[in-house]
Amino acid sequence: MIKIENLSKQFETTLAVNKLNLHIEKGELFSFLGPNGAGKTTSIKMMVGLMTPTNGSIHMGGFNVEEEPQKAKFLTGYVPDSAFLYQHLTGLELLMMVGQLYSMENQDIIREQGVLSERLFMKEWVGERISGYSQGMKQRLAFATAFIHNPEILIIDEPMVGLDPKTARIIKDMLKERSQQGVTVFISTHNLNVAEELSDRIAIINRGKLLGMGTVDSFQAVSGERENLEERFLKIVEEEEMSETKPLSD
């Protein structure tokens, strides 16, 4: 469902993403894990068509993001790490606009927004202007805009930012449900608990390079000891950083 091959992004002297290769199946809940500045958001922006790769290719649902961007985007729902929402619209107006951009019929948009407003506890304020929303309200609305057209692929950058524990639990449950229904869910995070709780597979990235990929159990067992994901993650990142700085032997 998501196929990334030899993906690289160069910013002047900085190689932000370095020959990244990922293949994520239909219905898989996949976490992209790494410290701040690892290349996660840059990778996602290329996946959703907001940045052009320096090299490599991305296919979403069989469509090349550069060659057939509209078809790729129609399959995708995207929640960025910092969502831009039109402040002078109401939440309902924004959902109507997003649904229309995805060629939905108005009655279908109204039905879906009703379901989402109920699930995300938005009914009391979805008709108010976004300028008056709290950060948590804005984040819930951002998820609703990604879910509204029932995409085949969900791309989410730092999913729990600004959410209270109750809403975070609801979002986690919704992501699991969608995955079980065949939606491919790609989550970028540095929150190890989120990755460990949700993921079918995890990829670890640092300095733009893929350092490892597998199930939570495979990461825990790889050293021969029963480590939790945090311990294994820190070891992998530390080993990579040490290898980058280690001087060459004579």
C-alpha atoms as a PDB file:
ATOM      1  CA  MET A   1       0.000   0.000   0.000  1.00  0.00           C
ATOM      2  CA  ILE A   2       2.953   2.327   0.749  1.00  0.00           C
ATOM      3  CA  LYS A   3       6.157   1.700  -1.160  1.00  0.00           C
ATOM      4  CA  ILE A   4       9.201   3.916  -0.628  1.00  0.00           C
ATOM      5  CA  GLU A   5      12.346   3.188  -2.611  1.00  0.00           C
ATOM      6  CA  ASN A   6      15.786   4.803  -2.215  1.00  0.00           C
ATOM      7  CA  LEU A   7      14.183   8.018  -0.949  1.00  0.00           C
ATOM      8  CA  SER A   8      16.574  10.885  -0.248  1.00  0.00           C
ATOM      9  CA  LYS A   9      16.204  14.586   0.501  1.00  0.00           C
ATOM     10  CA  GLN A  10      19.126  16.995   0.423  1.00  0.00           C
ATOM     11  CA  PHE A  11      18.963  20.513   1.901  1.00  0.00           C
ATOM     12  CA  GLU A  12      22.144  22.306   0.804  1.00  0.00           C
ATOM     13  CA  THR A  13      24.764  20.590   3.015  1.00  0.00           C
ATOM     14  CA  THR A  14      22.294  18.504   5.038  1.00  0.00           C
ATOM     15  CA  LEU A  15      21.139  15.063   3.911  1.00  0.00           C
ATOM     16  CA  ALA A  16      17.824  14.928   5.817  1.00  0.00           C
ATOM     17  CA  VAL A  17      16.698  11.561   4.412  1.00  0.00           C
ATOM     18  CA  ASN A  18      19.249   9.044   3.162  1.00  0.00           C
ATOM     19  CA  LYS A  19      18.188   6.216   0.804  1.00  0.00           C
ATOM     20  CA  LEU A  20      15.098   5.233   2.768  1.00  0.00           C
ATOM     21  CA  ASN A  21      13.335   1.998   1.789  1.00  0.00           C
ATOM     22  CA  LEU A  22       9.974   0.982   3.301  1.00  0.00           C
ATOM     23  CA  HIS A  23       7.170  -1.333   2.171  1.00  0.00           C
ATOM     24  CA  ILE A  24       4.006  -1.135   4.286  1.00  0.00           C
ATOM     25  CA  GLU A  25       1.108  -3.493   3.681  1.00  0.00           C
ATOM     26  CA  LYS A  26      -2.621  -2.837   3.488  1.00  0.00           C
ATOM     27  CA  GLY A  27      -4.123  -2.735   6.979  1.00  0.00           C
ATOM     28  CA  GLU A  28      -0.765  -2.460   8.716  1.00  0.00           C
ATOM     29  CA  LEU A  29      -0.315  -0.064  11.637  1.00  0.00           C
ATOM     30  CA  PHE A  30       3.255   1.126  11.204  1.00  0.00           C
ATOM     31  CA  SER A  31       5.265   3.447  13.461  1.00  0.00           C
ATOM     32  CA  PHE A  32       8.167   5.570  12.256  1.00  0.00           C
ATOM     33  CA  LEU A  33      10.261   6.149  15.343  1.00  0.00           C
ATOM     34  CA  GLY A  34      13.155   8.503  15.906  1.00  0.00           C
ATOM     35  CA  PRO A  35      14.484  11.430  17.952  1.00  0.00           C
ATOM     36  CA  ASN A  36      13.785  15.035  17.036  1.00  0.00           C
ATOM     37  CA  GLY A  37      15.522  15.958  13.775  1.00  0.00           C
ATOM     38  CA  ALA A  38      15.803  12.338  12.615  1.00  0.00           C
ATOM     39  CA  GLY A  39      14.101  12.962   9.261  1.00  0.00           C
ATOM     40  CA  LYS A  40      10.599  11.754  10.138  1.00  0.00           C
ATOM     41  CA  THR A  41       8.653  14.889   9.207  1.00  0.00           C
ATOM     42  CA  THR A  42      10.701  15.441   6.049  1.00  0.00           C
ATOM     43  CA  SER A  43       9.881  11.885   4.961  1.00  0.00           C
ATOM     44  CA  ILE A  44       6.190  12.419   5.633  1.00  0.00           C
ATOM     45  CA  LYS A  45       6.088  15.706   3.728  1.00  0.00           C
ATOM     46  CA  MET A  46       7.476  13.892   0.701  1.00  0.00           C
ATOM     47  CA  MET A  47       4.931  11.087   1.152  1.00  0.00           C
ATOM     48  CA  VAL A  48       1.995  13.524   1.076  1.00  0.00           C
ATOM     49  CA  GLY A  49       3.404  15.616  -1.758  1.00  0.00           C
ATOM     50  CA  LEU A  50       4.451  18.720   0.194  1.00  0.00           C
ATOM     51  CA  MET A  51       8.133  18.240  -0.676  1.00  0.00           C
ATOM     52  CA  THR A  52       9.841  16.872  -3.751  1.00  0.00           C
ATOM     53  CA  PRO A  53      12.416  14.115  -3.193  1.00  0.00           C
ATOM     54  CA  THR A  54      15.989  14.689  -4.290  1.00  0.00           C
ATOM     55  CA  ASN A  55      16.118  11.027  -5.310  1.00  0.00           C
ATOM     56  CA  GLY A  56      13.924   7.965  -5.073  1.00  0.00           C
ATOM     57  CA  SER A  57      10.214   7.267  -5.416  1.00  0.00           C
ATOM     58  CA  ILE A  58       7.057   6.984  -3.314  1.00  0.00           C
ATOM     59  CA  HIS A  59       3.955   4.992  -4.258  1.00  0.00           C
ATOM     60  CA  MET A  60       0.732   5.366  -2.285  1.00  0.00           C
ATOM     61  CA  GLY A  61      -1.827   2.700  -3.124  1.00  0.00           C
ATOM     62  CA  GLY A  62       0.002   2.005  -6.378  1.00  0.00           C
ATOM     63  CA  PHE A  63       0.177   5.649  -7.474  1.00  0.00           C
ATOM     64  CA  ASN A  64       3.482   7.474  -7.823  1.00  0.00           C
ATOM     65  CA  VAL A  65       3.217  10.618  -5.673  1.00  0.00           C
ATOM     66  CA  GLU A  66       5.181  12.755  -8.155  1.00  0.00           C
ATOM     67  CA  GLU A  67       3.614  11.423 -11.349  1.00  0.00           C
ATOM     68  CA  GLU A  68      -0.016  11.038 -10.168  1.00  0.00           C
ATOM     69  CA  PRO A  69      -0.276  13.329  -7.122  1.00  0.00           C
ATOM     70  CA  GLN A  70      -4.040  13.815  -7.200  1.00  0.00           C
ATOM     71  CA  LYS A  71      -4.784  10.090  -7.277  1.00  0.00           C
ATOM     72  CA  ALA A  72      -2.296   9.441  -4.470  1.00  0.00           C
ATOM     73  CA  LYS A  73      -3.721  12.256  -2.331  1.00  0.00           C
ATOM     74  CA  PHE A  74      -7.319  11.113  -2.797  1.00  0.00           C
ATOM     75  CA  LEU A  75      -6.390   7.861  -1.039  1.00  0.00           C
ATOM     76  CA  THR A  76      -4.707   9.618   1.857  1.00  0.00           C
ATOM     77  CA  GLY A  77      -5.710  11.336   5.089  1.00  0.00           C
ATOM     78  CA  TYR A  78      -2.990  13.452   6.696  1.00  0.00           C
ATOM     79  CA  VAL A  79      -2.579  14.910  10.186  1.00  0.00           C
ATOM     80  CA  PRO A  80       0.555  17.113  10.348  1.00  0.00           C
ATOM     81  CA  ASP A  81       2.549  17.792  13.492  1.00  0.00           C
ATOM     82  CA  SER A  82       1.178  21.342  13.475  1.00  0.00           C
ATOM     83  CA  ALA A  83      -2.115  21.573  11.614  1.00  0.00           C
ATOM     84  CA  PHE A  84      -3.067  24.727   9.716  1.00  0.00           C
ATOM     85  CA  LEU A  85      -6.782  25.388  10.175  1.00  0.00           C
ATOM     86  CA  TYR A  86      -8.704  28.301   8.678  1.00  0.00           C
ATOM     87  CA  GLN A  87      -9.340  30.398  11.773  1.00  0.00           C
ATOM     88  CA  HIS A  88     -12.375  32.306  10.456  1.00  0.00           C
ATOM     89  CA  LEU A  89     -14.317  29.167   9.509  1.00  0.00           C
ATOM     90  CA  THR A  90     -16.329  27.060  11.894  1.00  0.00           C
ATOM     91  CA  GLY A  91     -15.273  23.448  12.385  1.00  0.00           C
ATOM     92  CA  LEU A  92     -18.335  22.333  10.431  1.00  0.00           C
ATOM     93  CA  GLU A  93     -17.519  24.670   7.531  1.00  0.00           C
ATOM     94  CA  LEU A  94     -13.971  23.315   7.403  1.00  0.00           C
ATOM     95  CA  LEU A  95     -15.195  19.716   7.353  1.00  0.00           C
ATOM     96  CA  MET A  96     -17.648  20.561   4.564  1.00  0.00           C
ATOM     97  CA  MET A  97     -14.852  22.209   2.568  1.00  0.00           C
ATOM     98  CA  VAL A  98     -12.470  19.271   3.029  1.00  0.00           C
ATOM     99  CA  GLY A  99     -15.153  16.774   2.063  1.00  0.00           C
ATOM    100  CA  GLN A 100     -15.932  18.726  -1.099  1.00  0.00           C
ATOM    101  CA  LEU A 101     -12.233  18.791  -2.001  1.00  0.00           C
ATOM    102  CA  TYR A 102     -12.406  14.990  -1.940  1.00  0.00           C
ATOM    103  CA  SER A 103     -15.493  15.068  -4.217  1.00  0.00           C
ATOM    104  CA  MET A 104     -17.855  13.830  -1.500  1.00  0.00           C
ATOM    105  CA  GLU A 105     -21.580  14.478  -1.749  1.00  0.00           C
ATOM    106  CA  ASN A 106     -22.864  17.000   0.808  1.00  0.00           C
ATOM    107  CA  GLN A 107     -25.173  14.471   2.475  1.00  0.00           C
ATOM    108  CA  ASP A 108     -22.231  12.089   2.882  1.00  0.00           C
ATOM    109  CA  ILE A 109     -20.105  14.835   4.428  1.00  0.00           C
ATOM    110  CA  ILE A 110     -22.888  15.744   6.857  1.00  0.00           C
ATOM    111  CA  ARG A 111     -23.329  12.101   7.833  1.00  0.00           C
ATOM    112  CA  GLU A 112     -19.604  11.498   8.372  1.00  0.00           C
ATOM    113  CA  GLN A 113     -19.052  14.710  10.304  1.00  0.00           C
ATOM    114  CA  GLY A 114     -21.945  13.754  12.563  1.00  0.00           C
ATOM    115  CA  VAL A 115     -20.345  10.396  13.321  1.00  0.00           C
ATOM    116  CA  LEU A 116     -16.935  11.980  13.910  1.00  0.00           C
ATOM    117  CA  SER A 117     -18.325  14.826  16.033  1.00  0.00           C
ATOM    118  CA  GLU A 118     -20.037  12.279  18.244  1.00  0.00           C
ATOM    119  CA  ARG A 119     -16.971  10.051  18.556  1.00  0.00           C
ATOM    120  CA  LEU A 120     -14.553  12.917  19.181  1.00  0.00           C
ATOM    121  CA  PHE A 121     -16.867  14.862  21.500  1.00  0.00           C
ATOM    122  CA  MET A 122     -17.023  17.827  19.108  1.00  0.00           C
ATOM    123  CA  LYS A 123     -20.796  18.283  18.847  1.00  0.00           C
ATOM    124  CA  GLU A 124     -21.027  21.171  21.312  1.00  0.00           C
ATOM    125  CA  TRP A 125     -18.455  23.355  19.567  1.00  0.00           C
ATOM    126  CA  VAL A 126     -18.065  22.184  15.950  1.00  0.00           C
ATOM    127  CA  GLY A 127     -20.350  25.032  14.854  1.00  0.00           C
ATOM    128  CA  GLU A 128     -18.152  27.677  16.461  1.00  0.00           C
ATOM    129  CA  ARG A 129     -15.285  29.559  14.817  1.00  0.00           C
ATOM    130  CA  ILE A 130     -11.924  27.791  14.933  1.00  0.00           C
ATOM    131  CA  SER A 131     -10.229  30.956  16.225  1.00  0.00           C
ATOM    132  CA  GLY A 132     -11.794  30.261  19.621  1.00  0.00           C
ATOM    133  CA  TYR A 133     -10.667  26.636  19.859  1.00  0.00           C
ATOM    134  CA  SER A 134      -8.158  25.326  22.368  1.00  0.00           C
ATOM    135  CA  GLN A 135      -5.136  23.367  21.117  1.00  0.00           C
ATOM    136  CA  GLY A 136      -6.830  20.088  21.988  1.00  0.00           C
ATOM    137  CA  MET A 137     -10.003  21.065  20.123  1.00  0.00           C
ATOM    138  CA  LYS A 138      -7.931  21.976  17.049  1.00  0.00           C
ATOM    139  CA  GLN A 139      -6.153  18.634  17.161  1.00  0.00           C
ATOM    140  CA  ARG A 140      -9.443  16.742  17.328  1.00  0.00           C
ATOM    141  CA  LEU A 141     -10.707  18.737  14.340  1.00  0.00           C
ATOM    142  CA  ALA A 142      -7.482  17.954  12.445  1.00  0.00           C
ATOM    143  CA  PHE A 143      -8.145  14.243  12.938  1.00  0.00           C
ATOM    144  CA  ALA A 144     -11.734  14.695  11.776  1.00  0.00           C
ATOM    145  CA  THR A 145     -10.536  16.355   8.556  1.00  0.00           C
ATOM    146  CA  ALA A 146      -8.211  13.385   7.926  1.00  0.00           C
ATOM    147  CA  PHE A 147     -10.958  10.814   8.618  1.00  0.00           C
ATOM    148  CA  ILE A 148     -13.854  12.555   6.839  1.00  0.00           C
ATOM    149  CA  HIS A 149     -13.397  10.923   3.405  1.00  0.00           C
ATOM    150  CA  ASN A 150     -12.613   7.453   4.791  1.00  0.00           C
ATOM    151  CA  PRO A 151      -9.133   7.251   3.254  1.00  0.00           C
ATOM    152  CA  GLU A 152      -7.323   4.016   2.483  1.00  0.00           C
ATOM    153  CA  ILE A 153      -4.109   5.414   3.976  1.00  0.00           C
ATOM    154  CA  LEU A 154      -3.668   7.546   7.108  1.00  0.00           C
ATOM    155  CA  ILE A 155      -0.432   9.495   7.599  1.00  0.00           C
ATOM    156  CA  ILE A 156      -0.088  10.999  11.072  1.00  0.00           C
ATOM    157  CA  ASP A 157       2.823  13.068  12.366  1.00  0.00           C
ATOM    158  CA  GLU A 158       3.028  13.009  16.188  1.00  0.00           C
ATOM    159  CA  PRO A 159      -0.572  11.894  16.808  1.00  0.00           C
ATOM    160  CA  MET A 160      -0.928  12.670  20.517  1.00  0.00           C
ATOM    161  CA  VAL A 161       0.322  16.279  20.530  1.00  0.00           C
ATOM    162  CA  GLY A 162      -2.103  18.495  22.440  1.00  0.00           C
ATOM    163  CA  LEU A 163      -4.532  15.694  23.352  1.00  0.00           C
ATOM    164  CA  ASP A 164      -5.782  14.991  26.853  1.00  0.00           C
ATOM    165  CA  PRO A 165      -5.578  11.342  28.013  1.00  0.00           C
ATOM    166  CA  LYS A 166      -9.257  10.635  27.270  1.00  0.00           C
ATOM    167  CA  THR A 167      -9.060  11.940  23.695  1.00  0.00           C
ATOM    168  CA  ALA A 168      -5.701  10.215  23.147  1.00  0.00           C
ATOM    169  CA  ARG A 169      -7.357   6.912  24.106  1.00  0.00           C
ATOM    170  CA  ILE A 170     -10.195   7.560  21.641  1.00  0.00           C
ATOM    171  CA  ILE A 171      -7.732   8.344  18.818  1.00  0.00           C
ATOM    172  CA  LYS A 172      -5.712   5.201  19.552  1.00  0.00           C
ATOM    173  CA  ASP A 173      -8.886   3.114  19.441  1.00  0.00           C
ATOM    174  CA  MET A 174      -9.970   4.727  16.158  1.00  0.00           C
ATOM    175  CA  LEU A 175      -6.584   4.053  14.568  1.00  0.00           C
ATOM    176  CA  LYS A 176      -6.691   0.405  15.655  1.00  0.00           C
ATOM    177  CA  GLU A 177     -10.233   0.040  14.316  1.00  0.00           C
ATOM    178  CA  ARG A 178      -9.338   1.568  10.956  1.00  0.00           C
ATOM    179  CA  SER A 179      -6.314  -0.676  10.668  1.00  0.00           C
ATOM    180  CA  GLN A 180      -8.486  -3.727  11.372  1.00  0.00           C
ATOM    181  CA  GLN A 181     -10.820  -2.527   8.603  1.00  0.00           C
ATOM    182  CA  GLY A 182      -7.929  -2.544   6.103  1.00  0.00           C
ATOM    183  CA  VAL A 183      -6.729   1.054   6.342  1.00  0.00           C
ATOM    184  CA  THR A 184      -2.947   1.436   6.258  1.00  0.00           C
ATOM    185  CA  VAL A 185      -1.896   3.640   9.190  1.00  0.00           C
ATOM    186  CA  PHE A 186       1.542   5.304   9.197  1.00  0.00           C
ATOM    187  CA  ILE A 187       2.459   7.097  12.436  1.00  0.00           C
ATOM    188  CA  SER A 188       5.578   9.190  12.926  1.00  0.00           C
ATOM    189  CA  THR A 189       6.451   9.679  16.585  1.00  0.00           C
ATOM    190  CA  HIS A 190       9.158   9.979  19.190  1.00  0.00           C
ATOM    191  CA  ASN A 191       6.691   8.723  21.814  1.00  0.00           C
ATOM    192  CA  LEU A 192       7.867   5.190  22.541  1.00  0.00           C
ATOM    193  CA  ASN A 193       4.744   4.258  24.487  1.00  0.00           C
ATOM    194  CA  VAL A 194       2.504   5.098  21.524  1.00  0.00           C
ATOM    195  CA  ALA A 195       4.681   3.079  19.146  1.00  0.00           C
ATOM    196  CA  GLU A 196       4.853   0.086  21.486  1.00  0.00           C
ATOM    197  CA  GLU A 197       1.113   0.050  22.176  1.00  0.00           C
ATOM    198  CA  LEU A 198      -0.170   0.466  18.617  1.00  0.00           C
ATOM    199  CA  SER A 199       2.293  -0.905  16.122  1.00  0.00           C
ATOM    200  CA  ASP A 200       2.343  -4.038  14.022  1.00  0.00           C
ATOM    201  CA  ARG A 201       5.859  -3.009  12.980  1.00  0.00           C
ATOM    202  CA  ILE A 202       8.278  -0.247  13.874  1.00  0.00           C
ATOM    203  CA  ALA A 203      11.063   1.422  11.904  1.00  0.00           C
ATOM    204  CA  ILE A 204      13.800   3.379  13.702  1.00  0.00           C
ATOM    205  CA  ILE A 205      15.383   6.312  11.885  1.00  0.00           C
ATOM    206  CA  ASN A 206      18.136   8.717  12.914  1.00  0.00           C
ATOM    207  CA  ARG A 207      20.057  11.309  10.898  1.00  0.00           C
ATOM    208  CA  GLY A 208      17.969  10.369   7.890  1.00  0.00           C
ATOM    209  CA  LYS A 209      19.034   6.709   7.894  1.00  0.00           C
ATOM    210  CA  LEU A 210      16.931   3.644   8.584  1.00  0.00           C
ATOM    211  CA  LEU A 211      18.602   1.834  11.500  1.00  0.00           C
ATOM    212  CA  GLY A 212      16.244  -1.065  12.033  1.00  0.00           C
ATOM    213  CA  MET A 213      12.770  -2.396  11.381  1.00  0.00           C
ATOM    214  CA  GLY A 214      10.613  -5.137  12.879  1.00  0.00           C
ATOM    215  CA  THR A 215       7.940  -5.984  15.411  1.00  0.00           C
ATOM    216  CA  VAL A 216       8.109  -4.783  19.006  1.00  0.00           C
ATOM    217  CA  ASP A 217       8.965  -8.349  20.078  1.00  0.00           C
ATOM    218  CA  SER A 218      11.792  -8.606  17.562  1.00  0.00           C
ATOM    219  CA  PHE A 219      13.378  -5.398  18.887  1.00  0.00           C
ATOM    220  CA  GLN A 220      13.024  -6.622  22.461  1.00  0.00           C
ATOM    221  CA  ALA A 221      14.604 -10.007  21.716  1.00  0.00           C
ATOM    222  CA  VAL A 222      17.423  -9.005  19.346  1.00  0.00           C
ATOM    223  CA  SER A 223      20.054  -8.558  22.059  1.00  0.00           C
ATOM    224  CA  GLY A 224      19.303 -11.878  23.730  1.00  0.00           C
ATOM    225  CA  GLU A 225      17.916  -9.995  26.721  1.00  0.00           C
ATOM    226  CA  ARG A 226      14.351  -8.981  27.492  1.00  0.00           C
ATOM    227  CA  GLU A 227      14.648  -5.232  26.961  1.00  0.00           C
ATOM    228  CA  ASN A 228      11.740  -2.861  26.643  1.00  0.00           C
ATOM    229  CA  LEU A 229      11.420  -0.789  23.480  1.00  0.00           C
ATOM    230  CA  GLU A 230      12.859   2.334  25.108  1.00  0.00           C
ATOM    231  CA  GLU A 231      16.061   0.553  26.131  1.00  0.00           C
ATOM    232  CA  ARG A 232      16.514  -1.008  22.689  1.00  0.00           C
ATOM    233  CA  PHE A 233      15.717   2.237  20.887  1.00  0.00           C
ATOM    234  CA  LEU A 234      18.272   4.196  22.909  1.00  0.00           C
ATOM    235  CA  LYS A 235      20.932   1.539  22.259  1.00  0.00           C
ATOM    236  CA  ILE A 236      20.313   1.525  18.496  1.00  0.00           C
ATOM    237  CA  VAL A 237      20.459   5.325  18.241  1.00  0.00           C
ATOM    238  CA  GLU A 238      23.524   5.551  20.494  1.00  0.00           C
ATOM    239  CA  GLU A 239      25.379   2.874  18.510  1.00  0.00           C
ATOM    240  CA  GLU A 240      24.639   4.672  15.244  1.00  0.00           C
ATOM    241  CA  GLU A 241      25.808   8.032  16.609  1.00  0.00           C
ATOM    242  CA  MET A 242      28.998   6.483  17.989  1.00  0.00           C
ATOM    243  CA  SER A 243      29.743   4.841  14.650  1.00  0.00           C
ATOM    244  CA  GLU A 244      29.388   8.216  12.920  1.00  0.00           C
ATOM    245  CA  THR A 245      31.889   9.890  15.256  1.00  0.00           C
ATOM    246  CA  LYS A 246      34.370   7.000  15.713  1.00  0.00           C
ATOM    247  CA  PRO A 247      37.792   7.888  14.194  1.00  0.00           C
ATOM    248  CA  LEU A 248      39.280   5.697  11.509  1.00  0.00           C
ATOM    249  CA  SER A 249      41.971   3.285  12.700  1.00  0.00           C
ATOM    250  CA  ASP A 250      45.532   3.677  11.408  1.00  0.00           C
END
